[in-house]
Amino acid sequence: MAVAVHLASFSGYLIPLGSILGPLIVWLMKRDEIAFVDQCGRNCLNFKISIVVYALICMILMFIGIGFFLFGILAIFDIVVTIIAAMKASEGICYRYPMAISFFKS
């Protein structure tokens, strides 16, 4: 289920705000039953909300041109780090995402 939390965030590429809603739904369903899912869910949601904040900053920076480049880098970073987190979760390791703002305390 911890892997599902991380992989559910890829729904954001098909559904608006799915990158937050997907992990949130899985996390809310299983956080009381499995402590590992609770910890991974908090980390994933912190990162995905942080990515939304960074994407908004990139959109503002698009007015001066650099935002387009940064937005592409951010998308690649999001995909790579999420895959790493899912692989770590499958090994039983709770991955701490880089550049994640702590909205939900662990």
PDB file of N, CA and C in Angstrom:
ATOM      1  N   MET A   1       0.817  -1.199   0.000  1.00  0.00           N
ATOM      2  CA  MET A   1       0.000   0.000   0.000  1.00  0.00           C
ATOM      3  C   MET A   1       0.864   1.268   0.000  1.00  0.00           C
ATOM      4  N   ALA A   2       2.043   1.191   0.589  1.00  0.00           N
ATOM      5  CA  ALA A   2       2.939   2.361   0.583  1.00  0.00           C
ATOM      6  C   ALA A   2       3.383   2.681  -0.840  1.00  0.00           C
ATOM      7  N   VAL A   3       3.606   1.653  -1.631  1.00  0.00           N
ATOM      8  CA  VAL A   3       3.973   1.868  -3.031  1.00  0.00           C
ATOM      9  C   VAL A   3       2.811   2.525  -3.766  1.00  0.00           C
ATOM     10  N   ALA A   4       1.591   2.102  -3.446  1.00  0.00           N
ATOM     11  CA  ALA A   4       0.396   2.675  -4.075  1.00  0.00           C
ATOM     12  C   ALA A   4       0.260   4.159  -3.755  1.00  0.00           C
ATOM     13  N   VAL A   5       0.652   4.556  -2.549  1.00  0.00           N
ATOM     14  CA  VAL A   5       0.602   5.980  -2.183  1.00  0.00           C
ATOM     15  C   VAL A   5       1.469   6.792  -3.142  1.00  0.00           C
ATOM     16  N   HIS A   6       2.679   6.315  -3.367  1.00  0.00           N
ATOM     17  CA  HIS A   6       3.603   7.044  -4.235  1.00  0.00           C
ATOM     18  C   HIS A   6       3.150   7.015  -5.691  1.00  0.00           C
ATOM     19  N   LEU A   7       2.750   5.856  -6.167  1.00  0.00           N
ATOM     20  CA  LEU A   7       2.371   5.727  -7.577  1.00  0.00           C
ATOM     21  C   LEU A   7       1.040   6.408  -7.891  1.00  0.00           C
ATOM     22  N   ALA A   8       0.178   6.565  -6.884  1.00  0.00           N
ATOM     23  CA  ALA A   8      -1.095   7.255  -7.100  1.00  0.00           C
ATOM     24  C   ALA A   8      -0.885   8.715  -7.478  1.00  0.00           C
ATOM     25  N   SER A   9       0.278   9.241  -7.156  1.00  0.00           N
ATOM     26  CA  SER A   9       0.549  10.645  -7.487  1.00  0.00           C
ATOM     27  C   SER A   9       0.703  10.863  -8.992  1.00  0.00           C
ATOM     28  N   PHE A  10       0.952   9.809  -9.756  1.00  0.00           N
ATOM     29  CA  PHE A  10       1.051   9.966 -11.210  1.00  0.00           C
ATOM     30  C   PHE A  10      -0.303  10.261 -11.843  1.00  0.00           C
ATOM     31  N   SER A  11      -1.378  10.106 -11.091  1.00  0.00           N
ATOM     32  CA  SER A  11      -2.693  10.453 -11.634  1.00  0.00           C
ATOM     33  C   SER A  11      -2.797  11.952 -11.904  1.00  0.00           C
ATOM     34  N   GLY A  12      -1.901  12.733 -11.336  1.00  0.00           N
ATOM     35  CA  GLY A  12      -1.882  14.171 -11.569  1.00  0.00           C
ATOM     36  C   GLY A  12      -1.555  14.548 -12.998  1.00  0.00           C
ATOM     37  N   TYR A  13      -0.966  13.625 -13.738  1.00  0.00           N
ATOM     38  CA  TYR A  13      -0.666  13.893 -15.142  1.00  0.00           C
ATOM     39  C   TYR A  13      -1.893  13.682 -16.025  1.00  0.00           C
ATOM     40  N   LEU A  14      -2.966  13.111 -15.439  1.00  0.00           N
ATOM     41  CA  LEU A  14      -4.211  12.909 -16.178  1.00  0.00           C
ATOM     42  C   LEU A  14      -5.380  13.698 -15.601  1.00  0.00           C
ATOM     43  N   ILE A  15      -5.378  13.893 -14.292  1.00  0.00           N
ATOM     44  CA  ILE A  15      -6.482  14.546 -13.583  1.00  0.00           C
ATOM     45  C   ILE A  15      -5.936  15.786 -12.867  1.00  0.00           C
ATOM     46  N   PRO A  16      -6.587  16.928 -13.016  1.00  0.00           N
ATOM     47  CA  PRO A  16      -6.126  18.111 -12.278  1.00  0.00           C
ATOM     48  C   PRO A  16      -6.107  17.856 -10.761  1.00  0.00           C
ATOM     49  N   LEU A  17      -5.026  18.200 -10.135  1.00  0.00           N
ATOM     50  CA  LEU A  17      -4.758  17.988  -8.711  1.00  0.00           C
ATOM     51  C   LEU A  17      -4.759  16.512  -8.314  1.00  0.00           C
ATOM     52  N   GLY A  18      -4.694  15.621  -9.282  1.00  0.00           N
ATOM     53  CA  GLY A  18      -4.647  14.193  -8.999  1.00  0.00           C
ATOM     54  C   GLY A  18      -3.379  13.784  -8.288  1.00  0.00           C
ATOM     55  N   SER A  19      -2.319  14.566  -8.461  1.00  0.00           N
ATOM     56  CA  SER A  19      -1.067  14.239  -7.784  1.00  0.00           C
ATOM     57  C   SER A  19      -1.185  14.402  -6.273  1.00  0.00           C
ATOM     58  N   ILE A  20      -2.150  15.171  -5.835  1.00  0.00           N
ATOM     59  CA  ILE A  20      -2.411  15.314  -4.401  1.00  0.00           C
ATOM     60  C   ILE A  20      -3.574  14.416  -3.988  1.00  0.00           C
ATOM     61  N   LEU A  21      -4.628  14.382  -4.790  1.00  0.00           N
ATOM     62  CA  LEU A  21      -5.818  13.612  -4.430  1.00  0.00           C
ATOM     63  C   LEU A  21      -5.565  12.103  -4.425  1.00  0.00           C
ATOM     64  N   GLY A  22      -4.792  11.600  -5.372  1.00  0.00           N
ATOM     65  CA  GLY A  22      -4.502  10.165  -5.427  1.00  0.00           C
ATOM     66  C   GLY A  22      -3.834   9.654  -4.160  1.00  0.00           C
ATOM     67  N   PRO A  23      -2.673  10.220  -3.783  1.00  0.00           N
ATOM     68  CA  PRO A  23      -2.027   9.774  -2.548  1.00  0.00           C
ATOM     69  C   PRO A  23      -2.873  10.061  -1.307  1.00  0.00           C
ATOM     70  N   LEU A  24      -3.609  11.162  -1.327  1.00  0.00           N
ATOM     71  CA  LEU A  24      -4.445  11.511  -0.180  1.00  0.00           C
ATOM     72  C   LEU A  24      -5.510  10.451   0.070  1.00  0.00           C
ATOM     73  N   ILE A  25      -6.139   9.970  -0.981  1.00  0.00           N
ATOM     74  CA  ILE A  25      -7.182   8.956  -0.834  1.00  0.00           C
ATOM     75  C   ILE A  25      -6.601   7.658  -0.273  1.00  0.00           C
ATOM     76  N   VAL A  26      -5.487   7.206  -0.839  1.00  0.00           N
ATOM     77  CA  VAL A  26      -4.859   5.963  -0.355  1.00  0.00           C
ATOM     78  C   VAL A  26      -4.392   6.142   1.084  1.00  0.00           C
ATOM     79  N   TRP A  27      -3.791   7.284   1.377  1.00  0.00           N
ATOM     80  CA  TRP A  27      -3.285   7.555   2.725  1.00  0.00           C
ATOM     81  C   TRP A  27      -4.420   7.588   3.743  1.00  0.00           C
ATOM     82  N   LEU A  28      -5.519   8.262   3.433  1.00  0.00           N
ATOM     83  CA  LEU A  28      -6.636   8.347   4.367  1.00  0.00           C
ATOM     84  C   LEU A  28      -7.285   6.986   4.612  1.00  0.00           C
ATOM     85  N   MET A  29      -7.273   6.124   3.594  1.00  0.00           N
ATOM     86  CA  MET A  29      -7.882   4.799   3.750  1.00  0.00           C
ATOM     87  C   MET A  29      -7.043   3.879   4.639  1.00  0.00           C
ATOM     88  N   LYS A  30      -5.724   3.987   4.587  1.00  0.00           N
ATOM     89  CA  LYS A  30      -4.853   3.006   5.245  1.00  0.00           C
ATOM     90  C   LYS A  30      -3.968   3.551   6.358  1.00  0.00           C
ATOM     91  N   ARG A  31      -4.007   4.844   6.639  1.00  0.00           N
ATOM     92  CA  ARG A  31      -3.065   5.415   7.609  1.00  0.00           C
ATOM     93  C   ARG A  31      -3.266   4.889   9.026  1.00  0.00           C
ATOM     94  N   ASP A  32      -4.508   4.561   9.404  1.00  0.00           N
ATOM     95  CA  ASP A  32      -4.760   4.057  10.753  1.00  0.00           C
ATOM     96  C   ASP A  32      -4.404   2.580  10.891  1.00  0.00           C
ATOM     97  N   GLU A  33      -4.385   1.854   9.788  1.00  0.00           N
ATOM     98  CA  GLU A  33      -4.119   0.421   9.832  1.00  0.00           C
ATOM     99  C   GLU A  33      -2.629   0.095   9.767  1.00  0.00           C
ATOM    100  N   ILE A  34      -1.880   0.846   8.958  1.00  0.00           N
ATOM    101  CA  ILE A  34      -0.475   0.520   8.716  1.00  0.00           C
ATOM    102  C   ILE A  34       0.369   1.779   8.964  1.00  0.00           C
ATOM    103  N   ALA A  35       1.242   1.715   9.971  1.00  0.00           N
ATOM    104  CA  ALA A  35       2.065   2.880  10.333  1.00  0.00           C
ATOM    105  C   ALA A  35       3.016   3.274   9.201  1.00  0.00           C
ATOM    106  N   PHE A  36       3.514   2.294   8.462  1.00  0.00           N
ATOM    107  CA  PHE A  36       4.438   2.576   7.361  1.00  0.00           C
ATOM    108  C   PHE A  36       3.739   3.373   6.258  1.00  0.00           C
ATOM    109  N   VAL A  37       2.500   3.039   5.980  1.00  0.00           N
ATOM    110  CA  VAL A  37       1.721   3.780   4.978  1.00  0.00           C
ATOM    111  C   VAL A  37       1.465   5.199   5.467  1.00  0.00           C
ATOM    112  N   ASP A  38       1.237   5.356   6.757  1.00  0.00           N
ATOM    113  CA  ASP A  38       1.028   6.690   7.322  1.00  0.00           C
ATOM    114  C   ASP A  38       2.266   7.552   7.121  1.00  0.00           C
ATOM    115  N   GLN A  39       3.416   7.005   7.425  1.00  0.00           N
ATOM    116  CA  GLN A  39       4.666   7.761   7.278  1.00  0.00           C
ATOM    117  C   GLN A  39       4.955   8.076   5.813  1.00  0.00           C
ATOM    118  N   CYS A  40       4.810   7.097   4.938  1.00  0.00           N
ATOM    119  CA  CYS A  40       5.059   7.319   3.501  1.00  0.00           C
ATOM    120  C   CYS A  40       4.046   8.295   2.923  1.00  0.00           C
ATOM    121  N   GLY A  41       2.800   8.202   3.365  1.00  0.00           N
ATOM    122  CA  GLY A  41       1.757   9.103   2.882  1.00  0.00           C
ATOM    123  C   GLY A  41       2.030  10.549   3.252  1.00  0.00           C
ATOM    124  N   ARG A  42       2.482  10.766   4.480  1.00  0.00           N
ATOM    125  CA  ARG A  42       2.829  12.132   4.905  1.00  0.00           C
ATOM    126  C   ARG A  42       3.966  12.695   4.061  1.00  0.00           C
ATOM    127  N   ASN A  43       4.999  11.875   3.857  1.00  0.00           N
ATOM    128  CA  ASN A  43       6.134  12.321   3.054  1.00  0.00           C
ATOM    129  C   ASN A  43       5.716  12.621   1.620  1.00  0.00           C
ATOM    130  N   CYS A  44       4.901  11.752   1.051  1.00  0.00           N
ATOM    131  CA  CYS A  44       4.462  11.933  -0.328  1.00  0.00           C
ATOM    132  C   CYS A  44       3.601  13.192  -0.471  1.00  0.00           C
ATOM    133  N   LEU A  45       2.654  13.378   0.440  1.00  0.00           N
ATOM    134  CA  LEU A  45       1.788  14.557   0.362  1.00  0.00           C
ATOM    135  C   LEU A  45       2.573  15.847   0.575  1.00  0.00           C
ATOM    136  N   ASN A  46       3.526  15.827   1.499  1.00  0.00           N
ATOM    137  CA  ASN A  46       4.372  17.012   1.686  1.00  0.00           C
ATOM    138  C   ASN A  46       5.092  17.367   0.396  1.00  0.00           C
ATOM    139  N   PHE A  47       5.627  16.355  -0.274  1.00  0.00           N
ATOM    140  CA  PHE A  47       6.360  16.610  -1.512  1.00  0.00           C
ATOM    141  C   PHE A  47       5.428  17.088  -2.618  1.00  0.00           C
ATOM    142  N   LYS A  48       4.287  16.454  -2.769  1.00  0.00           N
ATOM    143  CA  LYS A  48       3.382  16.812  -3.870  1.00  0.00           C
ATOM    144  C   LYS A  48       2.799  18.212  -3.677  1.00  0.00           C
ATOM    145  N   ILE A  49       2.498  18.593  -2.451  1.00  0.00           N
ATOM    146  CA  ILE A  49       2.037  19.962  -2.203  1.00  0.00           C
ATOM    147  C   ILE A  49       3.176  20.943  -2.473  1.00  0.00           C
ATOM    148  N   SER A  50       4.392  20.564  -2.105  1.00  0.00           N
ATOM    149  CA  SER A  50       5.564  21.401  -2.391  1.00  0.00           C
ATOM    150  C   SER A  50       5.744  21.575  -3.887  1.00  0.00           C
ATOM    151  N   ILE A  51       5.552  20.509  -4.657  1.00  0.00           N
ATOM    152  CA  ILE A  51       5.679  20.579  -6.111  1.00  0.00           C
ATOM    153  C   ILE A  51       4.649  21.550  -6.690  1.00  0.00           C
ATOM    154  N   VAL A  52       3.434  21.545  -6.149  1.00  0.00           N
ATOM    155  CA  VAL A  52       2.415  22.494  -6.621  1.00  0.00           C
ATOM    156  C   VAL A  52       2.865  23.922  -6.347  1.00  0.00           C
ATOM    157  N   VAL A  53       3.427  24.161  -5.171  1.00  0.00           N
ATOM    158  CA  VAL A  53       3.934  25.498  -4.838  1.00  0.00           C
ATOM    159  C   VAL A  53       5.052  25.895  -5.794  1.00  0.00           C
ATOM    160  N   TYR A  54       5.980  24.975  -6.049  1.00  0.00           N
ATOM    161  CA  TYR A  54       7.081  25.269  -6.964  1.00  0.00           C
ATOM    162  C   TYR A  54       6.579  25.484  -8.395  1.00  0.00           C
ATOM    163  N   ALA A  55       5.541  24.749  -8.787  1.00  0.00           N
ATOM    164  CA  ALA A  55       4.967  24.926 -10.129  1.00  0.00           C
ATOM    165  C   ALA A  55       4.320  26.301 -10.261  1.00  0.00           C
ATOM    166  N   LEU A  56       3.672  26.766  -9.208  1.00  0.00           N
ATOM    167  CA  LEU A  56       3.092  28.117  -9.239  1.00  0.00           C
ATOM    168  C   LEU A  56       4.183  29.177  -9.377  1.00  0.00           C
ATOM    169  N   ILE A  57       5.296  28.966  -8.689  1.00  0.00           N
ATOM    170  CA  ILE A  57       6.420  29.892  -8.821  1.00  0.00           C
ATOM    171  C   ILE A  57       6.961  29.868 -10.243  1.00  0.00           C
ATOM    172  N   CYS A  58       7.038  28.668 -10.836  1.00  0.00           N
ATOM    173  CA  CYS A  58       7.504  28.559 -12.228  1.00  0.00           C
ATOM    174  C   CYS A  58       6.562  29.302 -13.173  1.00  0.00           C
ATOM    175  N   MET A  59       5.264  29.209 -12.910  1.00  0.00           N
ATOM    176  CA  MET A  59       4.293  29.900 -13.767  1.00  0.00           C
ATOM    177  C   MET A  59       4.472  31.411 -13.692  1.00  0.00           C
ATOM    178  N   ILE A  60       4.772  31.918 -12.521  1.00  0.00           N
ATOM    179  CA  ILE A  60       5.031  33.350 -12.374  1.00  0.00           C
ATOM    180  C   ILE A  60       6.303  33.729 -13.128  1.00  0.00           C
ATOM    181  N   LEU A  61       7.320  32.865 -13.034  1.00  0.00           N
ATOM    182  CA  LEU A  61       8.591  33.136 -13.713  1.00  0.00           C
ATOM    183  C   LEU A  61       8.509  32.969 -15.225  1.00  0.00           C
ATOM    184  N   MET A  62       7.406  32.406 -15.725  1.00  0.00           N
ATOM    185  CA  MET A  62       7.234  32.272 -17.178  1.00  0.00           C
ATOM    186  C   MET A  62       7.114  33.634 -17.852  1.00  0.00           C
ATOM    187  N   PHE A  63       6.715  34.641 -17.089  1.00  0.00           N
ATOM    188  CA  PHE A  63       6.608  35.982 -17.653  1.00  0.00           C
ATOM    189  C   PHE A  63       7.971  36.551 -18.032  1.00  0.00           C
ATOM    190  N   ILE A  64       9.023  36.055 -17.402  1.00  0.00           N
ATOM    191  CA  ILE A  64      10.360  36.528 -17.779  1.00  0.00           C
ATOM    192  C   ILE A  64      11.125  35.455 -18.560  1.00  0.00           C
ATOM    193  N   GLY A  65      10.455  34.351 -18.875  1.00  0.00           N
ATOM    194  CA  GLY A  65      11.034  33.350 -19.759  1.00  0.00           C
ATOM    195  C   GLY A  65      11.682  32.157 -19.097  1.00  0.00           C
ATOM    196  N   ILE A  66      12.288  32.340 -17.942  1.00  0.00           N
ATOM    197  CA  ILE A  66      13.009  31.238 -17.303  1.00  0.00           C
ATOM    198  C   ILE A  66      12.064  30.178 -16.731  1.00  0.00           C
ATOM    199  N   GLY A  67      10.826  30.536 -16.494  1.00  0.00           N
ATOM    200  CA  GLY A  67       9.854  29.617 -15.910  1.00  0.00           C
ATOM    201  C   GLY A  67       9.584  28.395 -16.770  1.00  0.00           C
ATOM    202  N   PHE A  68       9.651  28.540 -18.086  1.00  0.00           N
ATOM    203  CA  PHE A  68       9.425  27.401 -18.984  1.00  0.00           C
ATOM    204  C   PHE A  68      10.484  26.324 -18.758  1.00  0.00           C
ATOM    205  N   PHE A  69      11.730  26.758 -18.684  1.00  0.00           N
ATOM    206  CA  PHE A  69      12.843  25.842 -18.444  1.00  0.00           C
ATOM    207  C   PHE A  69      12.717  25.193 -17.066  1.00  0.00           C
ATOM    208  N   LEU A  70      12.446  26.008 -16.052  1.00  0.00           N
ATOM    209  CA  LEU A  70      12.338  25.490 -14.683  1.00  0.00           C
ATOM    210  C   LEU A  70      11.162  24.532 -14.534  1.00  0.00           C
ATOM    211  N   PHE A  71      10.068  24.800 -15.237  1.00  0.00           N
ATOM    212  CA  PHE A  71       8.895  23.928 -15.167  1.00  0.00           C
ATOM    213  C   PHE A  71       9.226  22.548 -15.742  1.00  0.00           C
ATOM    214  N   GLY A  72       9.961  22.504 -16.827  1.00  0.00           N
ATOM    215  CA  GLY A  72      10.388  21.228 -17.406  1.00  0.00           C
ATOM    216  C   GLY A  72      11.297  20.453 -16.469  1.00  0.00           C
ATOM    217  N   ILE A  73      12.248  21.149 -15.864  1.00  0.00           N
ATOM    218  CA  ILE A  73      13.151  20.520 -14.893  1.00  0.00           C
ATOM    219  C   ILE A  73      12.350  19.986 -13.705  1.00  0.00           C
ATOM    220  N   LEU A  74      11.378  20.767 -13.250  1.00  0.00           N
ATOM    221  CA  LEU A  74      10.546  20.370 -12.112  1.00  0.00           C
ATOM    222  C   LEU A  74       9.740  19.110 -12.429  1.00  0.00           C
ATOM    223  N   ALA A  75       9.199  19.014 -13.631  1.00  0.00           N
ATOM    224  CA  ALA A  75       8.415  17.833 -14.028  1.00  0.00           C
ATOM    225  C   ALA A  75       9.292  16.586 -14.059  1.00  0.00           C
ATOM    226  N   ILE A  76      10.483  16.706 -14.621  1.00  0.00           N
ATOM    227  CA  ILE A  76      11.404  15.564 -14.664  1.00  0.00           C
ATOM    228  C   ILE A  76      11.823  15.163 -13.253  1.00  0.00           C
ATOM    229  N   PHE A  77      12.125  16.150 -12.427  1.00  0.00           N
ATOM    230  CA  PHE A  77      12.504  15.899 -11.037  1.00  0.00           C
ATOM    231  C   PHE A  77      11.386  15.173 -10.296  1.00  0.00           C
ATOM    232  N   ASP A  78      10.148  15.603 -10.497  1.00  0.00           N
ATOM    233  CA  ASP A  78       8.990  14.992  -9.851  1.00  0.00           C
ATOM    234  C   ASP A  78       8.867  13.518 -10.238  1.00  0.00           C
ATOM    235  N   ILE A  79       8.985  13.224 -11.505  1.00  0.00           N
ATOM    236  CA  ILE A  79       8.844  11.842 -11.987  1.00  0.00           C
ATOM    237  C   ILE A  79       9.951  10.956 -11.435  1.00  0.00           C
ATOM    238  N   VAL A  80      11.193  11.414 -11.512  1.00  0.00           N
ATOM    239  CA  VAL A  80      12.341  10.615 -11.070  1.00  0.00           C
ATOM    240  C   VAL A  80      12.277  10.343  -9.570  1.00  0.00           C
ATOM    241  N   VAL A  81      12.015  11.374  -8.799  1.00  0.00           N
ATOM    242  CA  VAL A  81      12.005  11.215  -7.342  1.00  0.00           C
ATOM    243  C   VAL A  81      10.827  10.353  -6.892  1.00  0.00           C
ATOM    244  N   THR A  82       9.699  10.461  -7.555  1.00  0.00           N
ATOM    245  CA  THR A  82       8.545   9.635  -7.200  1.00  0.00           C
ATOM    246  C   THR A  82       8.820   8.160  -7.495  1.00  0.00           C
ATOM    247  N   ILE A  83       9.479   7.874  -8.601  1.00  0.00           N
ATOM    248  CA  ILE A  83       9.841   6.486  -8.918  1.00  0.00           C
ATOM    249  C   ILE A  83      10.822   5.945  -7.882  1.00  0.00           C
ATOM    250  N   ILE A  84      11.792   6.757  -7.485  1.00  0.00           N
ATOM    251  CA  ILE A  84      12.741   6.338  -6.451  1.00  0.00           C
ATOM    252  C   ILE A  84      12.010   6.054  -5.145  1.00  0.00           C
ATOM    253  N   ALA A  85      11.064   6.913  -4.773  1.00  0.00           N
ATOM    254  CA  ALA A  85      10.310   6.724  -3.532  1.00  0.00           C
ATOM    255  C   ALA A  85       9.485   5.441  -3.574  1.00  0.00           C
ATOM    256  N   ALA A  86       8.872   5.150  -4.710  1.00  0.00           N
ATOM    257  CA  ALA A  86       8.089   3.915  -4.843  1.00  0.00           C
ATOM    258  C   ALA A  86       8.995   2.685  -4.741  1.00  0.00           C
ATOM    259  N   MET A  87      10.172   2.754  -5.333  1.00  0.00           N
ATOM    260  CA  MET A  87      11.111   1.627  -5.248  1.00  0.00           C
ATOM    261  C   MET A  87      11.583   1.427  -3.812  1.00  0.00           C
ATOM    262  N   LYS A  88      11.863   2.511  -3.111  1.00  0.00           N
ATOM    263  CA  LYS A  88      12.282   2.413  -1.710  1.00  0.00           C
ATOM    264  C   LYS A  88      11.152   1.854  -0.850  1.00  0.00           C
ATOM    265  N   ALA A  89       9.911   2.268  -1.122  1.00  0.00           N
ATOM    266  CA  ALA A  89       8.771   1.769  -0.354  1.00  0.00           C
ATOM    267  C   ALA A  89       8.589   0.276  -0.566  1.00  0.00           C
ATOM    268  N   SER A  90       8.868  -0.206  -1.762  1.00  0.00           N
ATOM    269  CA  SER A  90       8.756  -1.643  -2.015  1.00  0.00           C
ATOM    270  C   SER A  90       9.818  -2.433  -1.250  1.00  0.00           C
ATOM    271  N   GLU A  91      10.903  -1.759  -0.879  1.00  0.00           N
ATOM    272  CA  GLU A  91      11.958  -2.384  -0.073  1.00  0.00           C
ATOM    273  C   GLU A  91      11.719  -2.210   1.420  1.00  0.00           C
ATOM    274  N   GLY A  92      10.654  -1.493   1.792  1.00  0.00           N
ATOM    275  CA  GLY A  92      10.343  -1.273   3.201  1.00  0.00           C
ATOM    276  C   GLY A  92      11.037  -0.075   3.806  1.00  0.00           C
ATOM    277  N   ILE A  93      11.539   0.816   2.960  1.00  0.00           N
ATOM    278  CA  ILE A  93      12.237   2.025   3.415  1.00  0.00           C
ATOM    279  C   ILE A  93      11.359   3.232   3.115  1.00  0.00           C
ATOM    280  N   CYS A  94      11.162   4.072   4.129  1.00  0.00           N
ATOM    281  CA  CYS A  94      10.373   5.284   3.915  1.00  0.00           C
ATOM    282  C   CYS A  94      11.299   6.384   3.396  1.00  0.00           C
ATOM    283  N   TYR A  95      11.081   6.784   2.176  1.00  0.00           N
ATOM    284  CA  TYR A  95      11.945   7.743   1.480  1.00  0.00           C
ATOM    285  C   TYR A  95      11.568   9.167   1.865  1.00  0.00           C
ATOM    286  N   ARG A  96      12.565   9.965   2.224  1.00  0.00           N
ATOM    287  CA  ARG A  96      12.359  11.389   2.494  1.00  0.00           C
ATOM    288  C   ARG A  96      12.648  12.143   1.202  1.00  0.00           C
ATOM    289  N   TYR A  97      11.617  12.746   0.659  1.00  0.00           N
ATOM    290  CA  TYR A  97      11.761  13.490  -0.595  1.00  0.00           C
ATOM    291  C   TYR A  97      12.639  14.723  -0.391  1.00  0.00           C
ATOM    292  N   PRO A  98      13.523  15.009  -1.352  1.00  0.00           N
ATOM    293  CA  PRO A  98      14.292  16.253  -1.268  1.00  0.00           C
ATOM    294  C   PRO A  98      13.403  17.449  -1.606  1.00  0.00           C
ATOM    295  N   MET A  99      13.712  18.574  -1.050  1.00  0.00           N
ATOM    296  CA  MET A  99      13.015  19.841  -1.310  1.00  0.00           C
ATOM    297  C   MET A  99      11.548  19.830  -0.875  1.00  0.00           C
ATOM    298  N   ALA A 100      11.161  18.925   0.021  1.00  0.00           N
ATOM    299  CA  ALA A 100       9.769  18.862   0.482  1.00  0.00           C
ATOM    300  C   ALA A 100       9.586  19.775   1.684  1.00  0.00           C
ATOM    301  N   ILE A 101       8.551  20.592   1.618  1.00  0.00           N
ATOM    302  CA  ILE A 101       8.178  21.450   2.734  1.00  0.00           C
ATOM    303  C   ILE A 101       7.301  20.620   3.658  1.00  0.00           C
ATOM    304  N   SER A 102       7.528  20.677   4.975  1.00  0.00           N
ATOM    305  CA  SER A 102       6.761  19.858   5.927  1.00  0.00           C
ATOM    306  C   SER A 102       5.423  20.510   6.261  1.00  0.00           C
ATOM    307  N   PHE A 103       4.398  20.131   5.525  1.00  0.00           N
ATOM    308  CA  PHE A 103       3.047  20.581   5.835  1.00  0.00           C
ATOM    309  C   PHE A 103       2.414  19.644   6.852  1.00  0.00           C
ATOM    310  N   PHE A 104       2.666  18.342   6.714  1.00  0.00           N
ATOM    311  CA  PHE A 104       2.206  17.316   7.642  1.00  0.00           C
ATOM    312  C   PHE A 104       3.422  16.816   8.407  1.00  0.00           C
ATOM    313  N   LYS A 105       3.429  17.008   9.696  1.00  0.00           N
ATOM    314  CA  LYS A 105       4.575  16.575  10.513  1.00  0.00           C
ATOM    315  C   LYS A 105       4.552  15.059  10.661  1.00  0.00           C
ATOM    316  N   SER A 106       5.736  14.444  10.613  1.00  0.00           N
ATOM    317  CA  SER A 106       5.845  12.984  10.746  1.00  0.00           C
ATOM    318  C   SER A 106       5.918  12.593  12.201  1.00  0.00           C
TER     319      SER A 106
END
